[in-house]
N, C-alpha and C. Protein backbone atom coordinates (compact mmCIF):
# COMPACT_ATOMS: atom_id res chain seq x y z
N UNK A 1 132.76 104.13 103.22
CA UNK A 1 132.04 103.25 104.16
C UNK A 1 130.60 103.72 104.28
N UNK A 2 129.63 102.77 104.18
CA UNK A 2 128.25 103.05 104.25
C UNK A 2 127.78 103.15 105.71
N UNK A 3 126.49 103.36 105.88
CA UNK A 3 125.93 103.56 107.23
C UNK A 3 125.57 102.22 107.91
N UNK A 4 125.56 101.14 107.16
CA UNK A 4 125.31 99.86 107.76
C UNK A 4 123.82 99.58 108.03
N UNK A 5 123.55 98.35 108.43
CA UNK A 5 122.17 97.86 108.65
C UNK A 5 121.49 98.65 109.72
N UNK A 6 122.13 98.88 110.84
CA UNK A 6 121.56 99.63 111.94
C UNK A 6 121.16 101.07 111.49
N UNK A 7 122.00 101.68 110.74
CA UNK A 7 121.71 103.03 110.26
C UNK A 7 120.53 103.05 109.31
N UNK A 8 120.47 102.06 108.44
CA UNK A 8 119.26 101.97 107.56
C UNK A 8 117.99 101.66 108.33
N UNK A 9 118.13 100.80 109.32
CA UNK A 9 116.96 100.55 110.19
C UNK A 9 116.44 101.83 110.88
N UNK A 10 117.39 102.61 111.41
CA UNK A 10 116.98 103.87 112.05
C UNK A 10 116.35 104.86 111.05
N UNK A 11 116.87 104.87 109.84
CA UNK A 11 116.33 105.76 108.79
C UNK A 11 114.88 105.31 108.45
N UNK A 12 114.68 103.98 108.36
CA UNK A 12 113.33 103.50 108.06
C UNK A 12 112.37 103.79 109.18
N UNK A 13 112.80 103.63 110.42
CA UNK A 13 111.97 103.98 111.57
C UNK A 13 111.60 105.48 111.53
N UNK A 14 112.59 106.33 111.28
CA UNK A 14 112.38 107.74 111.20
C UNK A 14 111.37 108.06 110.13
N UNK A 15 111.50 107.47 108.95
CA UNK A 15 110.57 107.75 107.84
C UNK A 15 109.16 107.26 108.17
N UNK A 16 109.02 106.09 108.82
CA UNK A 16 107.75 105.56 109.24
C UNK A 16 107.05 106.53 110.20
N UNK A 17 107.81 107.08 111.17
CA UNK A 17 107.24 108.05 112.13
C UNK A 17 106.82 109.32 111.39
N UNK A 18 107.61 109.75 110.47
CA UNK A 18 107.27 110.98 109.71
C UNK A 18 106.00 110.73 108.97
N UNK A 19 105.84 109.61 108.29
CA UNK A 19 104.64 109.30 107.53
C UNK A 19 103.41 109.22 108.46
N UNK A 20 103.59 108.56 109.58
CA UNK A 20 102.55 108.43 110.54
C UNK A 20 102.02 109.77 111.02
N UNK A 21 102.95 110.71 111.29
CA UNK A 21 102.59 112.02 111.77
C UNK A 21 101.76 112.81 110.75
N UNK A 22 101.95 112.52 109.53
CA UNK A 22 101.18 113.20 108.44
C UNK A 22 99.68 112.93 108.53
N UNK A 23 99.35 111.77 109.06
CA UNK A 23 97.93 111.36 109.12
C UNK A 23 97.11 112.35 110.00
N UNK A 24 97.75 113.04 110.90
CA UNK A 24 97.04 113.98 111.72
C UNK A 24 96.61 115.26 111.00
N UNK A 25 97.19 115.46 109.82
CA UNK A 25 96.85 116.63 109.01
C UNK A 25 95.56 116.35 108.21
N UNK A 26 94.54 117.13 108.50
CA UNK A 26 93.21 116.84 107.96
C UNK A 26 92.88 117.47 106.60
N UNK A 27 93.92 118.16 106.01
CA UNK A 27 93.62 118.73 104.71
C UNK A 27 93.60 117.68 103.59
N UNK A 28 94.06 116.46 103.92
CA UNK A 28 94.00 115.36 103.00
C UNK A 28 93.09 114.25 103.58
N UNK A 29 92.43 113.53 102.70
CA UNK A 29 91.62 112.37 103.18
C UNK A 29 92.55 111.25 103.54
N UNK A 30 91.98 110.23 104.17
CA UNK A 30 92.74 109.02 104.50
C UNK A 30 93.25 108.40 103.23
N UNK A 31 92.45 108.30 102.21
CA UNK A 31 92.87 107.74 100.92
C UNK A 31 94.01 108.51 100.30
N UNK A 32 93.96 109.85 100.38
CA UNK A 32 95.02 110.67 99.85
C UNK A 32 96.29 110.47 100.63
N UNK A 33 96.23 110.36 101.95
CA UNK A 33 97.42 110.13 102.77
C UNK A 33 98.01 108.76 102.35
N UNK A 34 97.18 107.76 102.18
CA UNK A 34 97.69 106.44 101.78
C UNK A 34 98.45 106.51 100.47
N UNK A 35 97.84 107.19 99.49
CA UNK A 35 98.51 107.35 98.20
C UNK A 35 99.77 108.14 98.28
N UNK A 36 99.82 109.17 99.11
CA UNK A 36 101.09 109.95 99.30
C UNK A 36 102.15 109.08 99.89
N UNK A 37 101.78 108.28 100.87
CA UNK A 37 102.79 107.35 101.47
C UNK A 37 103.29 106.38 100.43
N UNK A 38 102.36 105.81 99.62
CA UNK A 38 102.76 104.88 98.60
C UNK A 38 103.66 105.55 97.58
N UNK A 39 103.32 106.80 97.15
CA UNK A 39 104.10 107.50 96.18
C UNK A 39 105.53 107.79 96.74
N UNK A 40 105.56 108.18 98.01
CA UNK A 40 106.86 108.45 98.64
C UNK A 40 107.71 107.15 98.68
N UNK A 41 107.08 106.03 99.02
CA UNK A 41 107.81 104.77 99.04
C UNK A 41 108.31 104.36 97.63
N UNK A 42 107.44 104.57 96.64
CA UNK A 42 107.76 104.28 95.26
C UNK A 42 108.97 105.14 94.81
N UNK A 43 108.86 106.48 95.12
CA UNK A 43 109.97 107.39 94.70
C UNK A 43 111.27 106.98 95.32
N UNK A 44 111.20 106.61 96.62
CA UNK A 44 112.42 106.17 97.31
C UNK A 44 112.98 104.88 96.67
N UNK A 45 112.12 103.90 96.39
CA UNK A 45 112.59 102.71 95.77
C UNK A 45 113.19 102.97 94.44
N UNK A 46 112.59 103.79 93.66
CA UNK A 46 113.07 104.16 92.33
C UNK A 46 114.41 104.88 92.43
N UNK A 47 114.51 105.84 93.41
CA UNK A 47 115.72 106.58 93.65
C UNK A 47 116.88 105.69 94.10
N UNK A 48 116.61 104.65 94.86
CA UNK A 48 117.68 103.85 95.37
C UNK A 48 117.90 102.55 94.56
N UNK A 49 117.06 102.32 93.52
CA UNK A 49 117.19 101.09 92.70
C UNK A 49 117.23 101.35 91.21
N UNK A 50 117.96 102.40 90.82
CA UNK A 50 118.04 102.72 89.41
C UNK A 50 118.36 101.48 88.56
N UNK A 51 119.37 100.75 88.98
CA UNK A 51 119.86 99.65 88.20
C UNK A 51 118.84 98.53 88.05
N UNK A 52 117.92 98.38 89.02
CA UNK A 52 116.91 97.34 88.94
C UNK A 52 115.92 97.58 87.76
N UNK A 53 115.74 98.82 87.40
CA UNK A 53 114.83 99.08 86.25
C UNK A 53 115.44 98.63 84.94
N UNK A 54 116.77 98.82 84.78
CA UNK A 54 117.45 98.36 83.55
C UNK A 54 117.69 96.89 83.55
N UNK A 55 117.91 96.25 84.71
CA UNK A 55 118.24 94.87 84.82
C UNK A 55 117.01 94.02 84.98
N UNK A 56 116.61 93.29 83.90
CA UNK A 56 115.39 92.49 83.92
C UNK A 56 115.49 91.32 84.88
N UNK A 57 116.70 90.97 85.33
CA UNK A 57 116.83 89.83 86.27
C UNK A 57 116.67 90.29 87.74
N UNK A 58 116.62 91.55 87.98
CA UNK A 58 116.49 92.11 89.36
C UNK A 58 115.10 91.74 89.91
N UNK A 59 115.05 91.49 91.23
CA UNK A 59 113.77 91.12 91.87
C UNK A 59 112.86 92.32 91.86
N UNK A 60 113.34 93.55 91.74
CA UNK A 60 112.45 94.73 91.73
C UNK A 60 112.09 95.20 90.36
N UNK A 61 112.66 94.63 89.31
CA UNK A 61 112.46 95.09 87.93
C UNK A 61 110.98 95.16 87.54
N UNK A 62 110.29 94.07 87.61
CA UNK A 62 108.89 94.07 87.12
C UNK A 62 108.03 95.03 87.93
N UNK A 63 108.15 95.07 89.21
CA UNK A 63 107.29 95.93 90.02
C UNK A 63 107.58 97.46 89.66
N UNK A 64 108.80 97.85 89.52
CA UNK A 64 109.12 99.20 89.25
C UNK A 64 108.68 99.55 87.81
N UNK A 65 108.96 98.70 86.86
CA UNK A 65 108.61 98.97 85.48
C UNK A 65 107.10 99.04 85.32
N UNK A 66 106.34 98.20 86.03
CA UNK A 66 104.85 98.24 85.96
C UNK A 66 104.32 99.59 86.33
N UNK A 67 104.96 100.30 87.26
CA UNK A 67 104.50 101.58 87.68
C UNK A 67 104.80 102.72 86.72
N UNK A 68 105.92 102.57 85.95
CA UNK A 68 106.39 103.74 85.21
C UNK A 68 106.32 103.55 83.74
N UNK A 69 106.12 102.30 83.21
CA UNK A 69 106.16 102.06 81.75
C UNK A 69 104.81 102.33 81.19
N UNK A 70 104.76 103.21 80.19
CA UNK A 70 103.51 103.64 79.56
C UNK A 70 102.88 102.45 78.81
N UNK A 71 103.62 101.41 78.50
CA UNK A 71 103.08 100.24 77.79
C UNK A 71 102.71 99.11 78.70
N UNK A 72 102.93 99.28 79.98
CA UNK A 72 102.72 98.16 80.91
C UNK A 72 101.28 98.15 81.42
N UNK A 73 100.69 96.98 81.46
CA UNK A 73 99.35 96.83 82.07
C UNK A 73 99.52 96.84 83.60
N UNK A 74 100.60 96.29 84.11
CA UNK A 74 100.84 96.30 85.52
C UNK A 74 100.26 95.13 86.25
N UNK A 75 100.63 95.10 87.54
CA UNK A 75 100.17 93.96 88.40
C UNK A 75 98.76 94.14 88.92
N UNK A 76 98.38 95.41 89.17
CA UNK A 76 97.10 95.63 89.81
C UNK A 76 96.03 96.13 88.84
N UNK A 77 96.42 96.45 87.61
CA UNK A 77 95.45 96.93 86.59
C UNK A 77 95.28 98.44 86.65
N UNK A 78 95.43 99.06 87.80
CA UNK A 78 95.40 100.50 87.93
C UNK A 78 96.65 100.88 88.73
N UNK A 79 97.65 101.36 88.03
CA UNK A 79 98.91 101.62 88.66
C UNK A 79 98.89 102.91 89.40
N UNK A 80 99.91 103.10 90.20
CA UNK A 80 100.04 104.29 91.13
C UNK A 80 99.77 105.61 90.44
N UNK A 81 100.44 105.93 89.33
CA UNK A 81 100.17 107.26 88.74
C UNK A 81 98.69 107.49 88.39
N UNK A 82 98.01 106.42 87.96
CA UNK A 82 96.60 106.57 87.59
C UNK A 82 95.71 106.78 88.84
N UNK A 83 96.04 106.09 89.90
CA UNK A 83 95.28 106.22 91.16
C UNK A 83 95.47 107.64 91.73
N UNK A 84 96.76 108.13 91.66
CA UNK A 84 97.00 109.47 92.17
C UNK A 84 96.27 110.50 91.32
N UNK A 85 96.29 110.33 90.00
CA UNK A 85 95.57 111.25 89.13
C UNK A 85 94.08 111.26 89.42
N UNK A 86 93.53 110.10 89.61
CA UNK A 86 92.07 110.03 89.92
C UNK A 86 91.74 110.74 91.26
N UNK A 87 92.63 110.63 92.21
CA UNK A 87 92.36 111.20 93.56
C UNK A 87 92.77 112.66 93.64
N UNK A 88 93.88 113.05 93.02
CA UNK A 88 94.34 114.42 93.19
C UNK A 88 94.07 115.30 91.95
N UNK A 89 93.66 114.66 90.85
CA UNK A 89 93.36 115.45 89.65
C UNK A 89 94.56 115.73 88.76
N UNK A 90 95.70 115.18 89.09
CA UNK A 90 96.90 115.36 88.25
C UNK A 90 97.83 114.17 88.38
N UNK A 91 98.58 113.97 87.35
CA UNK A 91 99.54 112.83 87.35
C UNK A 91 100.80 113.23 88.14
N UNK A 92 101.36 112.37 88.97
CA UNK A 92 102.60 112.72 89.68
C UNK A 92 103.82 112.69 88.78
N UNK A 93 103.71 111.97 87.68
CA UNK A 93 104.80 111.89 86.67
C UNK A 93 104.24 111.38 85.37
N UNK A 94 104.95 111.61 84.30
CA UNK A 94 104.54 111.11 83.00
C UNK A 94 105.14 109.74 82.76
N UNK A 95 104.26 108.71 82.63
CA UNK A 95 104.81 107.40 82.33
C UNK A 95 105.60 107.40 80.99
N UNK A 96 106.57 106.55 80.92
CA UNK A 96 107.42 106.44 79.71
C UNK A 96 107.54 104.96 79.31
N UNK A 97 108.09 104.71 78.17
CA UNK A 97 108.43 103.39 77.75
C UNK A 97 109.85 103.09 78.24
N UNK A 98 109.99 102.16 79.12
CA UNK A 98 111.29 101.88 79.76
C UNK A 98 112.17 101.02 78.85
N UNK A 99 113.46 101.39 78.78
CA UNK A 99 114.47 100.62 78.08
C UNK A 99 115.13 99.72 79.12
N UNK A 100 115.24 98.46 78.83
CA UNK A 100 115.98 97.54 79.76
C UNK A 100 117.02 96.73 78.99
N UNK A 101 117.69 95.85 79.68
CA UNK A 101 118.70 95.02 79.12
C UNK A 101 118.06 94.11 78.03
N UNK A 102 116.80 93.81 78.12
CA UNK A 102 116.09 93.03 77.12
C UNK A 102 116.11 93.77 75.80
N UNK A 103 115.88 95.12 75.84
CA UNK A 103 115.95 95.95 74.64
C UNK A 103 117.38 95.92 74.06
N UNK A 104 118.36 95.94 74.98
CA UNK A 104 119.78 95.86 74.53
C UNK A 104 119.98 94.58 73.77
N UNK A 105 119.54 93.43 74.24
CA UNK A 105 119.73 92.18 73.55
C UNK A 105 119.05 92.19 72.17
N UNK A 106 117.82 92.72 72.15
CA UNK A 106 117.06 92.75 70.89
C UNK A 106 117.78 93.71 69.90
N UNK A 107 118.18 94.90 70.33
CA UNK A 107 118.84 95.84 69.42
C UNK A 107 120.16 95.29 68.98
N UNK A 108 120.93 94.66 69.88
CA UNK A 108 122.23 94.12 69.54
C UNK A 108 122.09 93.10 68.46
N UNK A 109 121.11 92.20 68.59
CA UNK A 109 120.88 91.17 67.60
C UNK A 109 120.45 91.75 66.29
N UNK A 110 119.51 92.73 66.35
CA UNK A 110 119.06 93.36 65.12
C UNK A 110 120.16 94.08 64.37
N UNK A 111 121.09 94.58 65.07
CA UNK A 111 122.23 95.29 64.43
C UNK A 111 123.43 94.37 64.23
N UNK A 112 123.22 93.07 64.53
CA UNK A 112 124.33 92.07 64.38
C UNK A 112 125.59 92.49 65.11
N UNK A 113 125.43 92.94 66.34
CA UNK A 113 126.58 93.33 67.15
C UNK A 113 126.99 92.16 68.01
N UNK A 114 128.23 91.75 67.99
CA UNK A 114 128.75 90.62 68.75
C UNK A 114 128.97 91.07 70.21
N UNK A 115 128.57 90.15 71.12
CA UNK A 115 128.79 90.41 72.55
C UNK A 115 130.26 90.61 72.84
N UNK A 116 130.54 91.46 73.83
CA UNK A 116 131.91 91.63 74.29
C UNK A 116 132.74 92.63 73.43
N UNK A 117 132.13 93.15 72.39
CA UNK A 117 132.88 94.08 71.55
C UNK A 117 132.68 95.51 72.10
N UNK A 118 133.52 96.40 71.63
CA UNK A 118 133.40 97.83 72.04
C UNK A 118 132.04 98.36 71.54
N UNK A 119 131.62 97.95 70.37
CA UNK A 119 130.31 98.39 69.85
C UNK A 119 129.17 97.95 70.77
N UNK A 120 129.24 96.70 71.28
CA UNK A 120 128.20 96.23 72.22
C UNK A 120 128.26 97.01 73.49
N UNK A 121 129.46 97.25 74.07
CA UNK A 121 129.56 98.03 75.29
C UNK A 121 129.01 99.38 75.12
N UNK A 122 129.30 100.02 73.97
CA UNK A 122 128.81 101.39 73.68
C UNK A 122 127.29 101.42 73.59
N UNK A 123 126.69 100.44 72.98
CA UNK A 123 125.23 100.35 72.84
C UNK A 123 124.65 100.20 74.24
N UNK A 124 125.17 99.28 75.04
CA UNK A 124 124.60 99.02 76.38
C UNK A 124 124.76 100.35 77.24
N UNK A 125 125.88 100.98 77.16
CA UNK A 125 126.08 102.24 77.92
C UNK A 125 125.08 103.30 77.49
N UNK A 126 124.83 103.41 76.18
CA UNK A 126 123.92 104.42 75.66
C UNK A 126 122.46 104.11 76.16
N UNK A 127 122.05 102.82 76.07
CA UNK A 127 120.71 102.51 76.48
C UNK A 127 120.57 102.66 78.01
N UNK A 128 121.58 102.31 78.78
CA UNK A 128 121.53 102.49 80.24
C UNK A 128 121.44 103.98 80.58
N UNK A 129 122.22 104.80 79.87
CA UNK A 129 122.17 106.25 80.11
C UNK A 129 120.81 106.83 79.83
N UNK A 130 120.20 106.34 78.70
CA UNK A 130 118.84 106.84 78.32
C UNK A 130 117.83 106.46 79.47
N UNK A 131 117.96 105.23 79.97
CA UNK A 131 117.07 104.76 81.07
C UNK A 131 117.29 105.66 82.27
N UNK A 132 118.50 105.92 82.66
CA UNK A 132 118.80 106.75 83.84
C UNK A 132 118.25 108.15 83.65
N UNK A 133 118.34 108.71 82.48
CA UNK A 133 117.76 110.05 82.23
C UNK A 133 116.26 110.00 82.43
N UNK A 134 115.59 109.02 81.93
CA UNK A 134 114.16 108.88 82.08
C UNK A 134 113.80 108.78 83.59
N UNK A 135 114.53 107.99 84.34
CA UNK A 135 114.28 107.78 85.71
C UNK A 135 114.52 109.03 86.55
N UNK A 136 115.56 109.74 86.21
CA UNK A 136 115.82 111.02 86.90
C UNK A 136 114.70 112.01 86.69
N UNK A 137 114.21 112.09 85.43
CA UNK A 137 113.08 112.98 85.16
C UNK A 137 111.85 112.56 85.94
N UNK A 138 111.58 111.29 86.05
CA UNK A 138 110.44 110.83 86.86
C UNK A 138 110.64 111.15 88.29
N UNK A 139 111.84 110.97 88.84
CA UNK A 139 112.12 111.27 90.22
C UNK A 139 111.87 112.74 90.50
N UNK A 140 112.37 113.60 89.59
CA UNK A 140 112.16 115.07 89.77
C UNK A 140 110.71 115.43 89.70
N UNK A 141 109.94 114.81 88.74
CA UNK A 141 108.51 115.13 88.62
C UNK A 141 107.80 114.75 89.90
N UNK A 142 108.13 113.59 90.46
CA UNK A 142 107.45 113.14 91.67
C UNK A 142 107.81 114.11 92.82
N UNK A 143 109.07 114.45 92.96
CA UNK A 143 109.48 115.39 94.03
C UNK A 143 108.72 116.73 93.88
N UNK A 144 108.58 117.22 92.68
CA UNK A 144 107.85 118.49 92.43
C UNK A 144 106.36 118.34 92.81
N UNK A 145 105.79 117.18 92.48
CA UNK A 145 104.39 116.92 92.84
C UNK A 145 104.26 116.91 94.35
N UNK A 146 105.17 116.24 95.07
CA UNK A 146 105.12 116.14 96.54
C UNK A 146 105.27 117.52 97.14
N UNK A 147 106.15 118.36 96.62
CA UNK A 147 106.34 119.72 97.10
C UNK A 147 105.08 120.53 96.90
N UNK A 148 104.47 120.38 95.73
CA UNK A 148 103.26 121.10 95.47
C UNK A 148 102.15 120.72 96.44
N UNK A 149 102.00 119.43 96.72
CA UNK A 149 100.97 118.96 97.68
C UNK A 149 101.31 119.51 99.07
N UNK A 150 102.57 119.43 99.46
CA UNK A 150 103.02 119.97 100.75
C UNK A 150 102.67 121.46 100.93
N UNK A 151 102.91 122.21 99.90
CA UNK A 151 102.62 123.66 99.92
C UNK A 151 101.11 123.93 100.01
N UNK A 152 100.31 123.18 99.24
CA UNK A 152 98.87 123.35 99.20
C UNK A 152 98.19 122.90 100.51
N UNK A 153 98.68 121.79 101.03
CA UNK A 153 97.96 121.12 102.12
C UNK A 153 98.62 121.15 103.48
N UNK A 154 99.82 121.74 103.57
CA UNK A 154 100.47 121.86 104.87
C UNK A 154 101.08 120.55 105.34
N UNK A 155 101.39 119.65 104.42
CA UNK A 155 101.92 118.32 104.76
C UNK A 155 103.49 118.42 104.61
N UNK A 156 104.15 117.31 104.86
CA UNK A 156 105.57 117.25 104.80
C UNK A 156 106.01 115.94 104.13
N UNK A 157 105.48 115.66 102.93
CA UNK A 157 105.79 114.42 102.23
C UNK A 157 107.08 114.49 101.36
N UNK A 158 107.37 115.70 100.85
CA UNK A 158 108.53 115.79 99.98
C UNK A 158 109.83 115.43 100.69
N UNK A 159 110.72 114.76 99.97
CA UNK A 159 112.04 114.37 100.61
C UNK A 159 112.85 115.62 100.85
N UNK A 160 113.58 115.63 101.91
CA UNK A 160 114.44 116.78 102.26
C UNK A 160 115.91 116.47 102.09
N UNK A 161 116.23 115.21 102.07
CA UNK A 161 117.63 114.81 101.99
C UNK A 161 118.36 114.95 103.32
N UNK A 162 117.60 115.30 104.37
CA UNK A 162 118.17 115.56 105.68
C UNK A 162 118.89 114.34 106.26
N UNK A 163 118.40 113.16 105.95
CA UNK A 163 119.02 111.94 106.50
C UNK A 163 120.01 111.30 105.60
N UNK A 164 120.29 111.93 104.47
CA UNK A 164 121.31 111.36 103.57
C UNK A 164 122.67 111.63 104.14
N UNK A 165 123.49 110.63 104.02
CA UNK A 165 124.85 110.80 104.56
C UNK A 165 125.85 110.95 103.42
C-alpha cells in the first residue's frame, strides 16, 4: 500500500520548505540556488520516472531525454547540465545517448525479429536494462554533485531518503 495523495502532497510541501530555507545560505548566489533547486527537481523526476525515459509515449519522455541525451538539442537550447557547468564549473552528470522503445522498434526491424517472440522480449528487456543502468549512473552522479556542493557551501540539497517510506 502506497502513501496516497495526501502523503505525497505533504512530501512536496516539506521539499518546498526545505528548498526555500536554502535561499538563506549566502555561500551560493541566487542563480546558483535556482539551478540547485532545478537540478534537485530533475533528479527527483528522473528517479521517480525511470520508465518514462524508455517509453516514448510518456508525457515526461521528451523533457527528461532532452536533459540527459548527449545527442539532443533540447527544448531550451541550453540544457540543465550545461547551465550548471557554466555556473559551477563542472557538469553534474555526463550526458549519454538514451535508448528508448523507438530504438527497440528500429533494432527489431533491422534484425527481422517478429513482435511477440521470445527473441523480441529478450531484446526489449536488454535495451530497457541498458537504459536503467544509464539512468542509475546519472542519478548517482547528480547525488554526488549535490553532496559535494553541500559540503563546500554548507547547503542541504542532497537527498537524504528521510521521507521515503
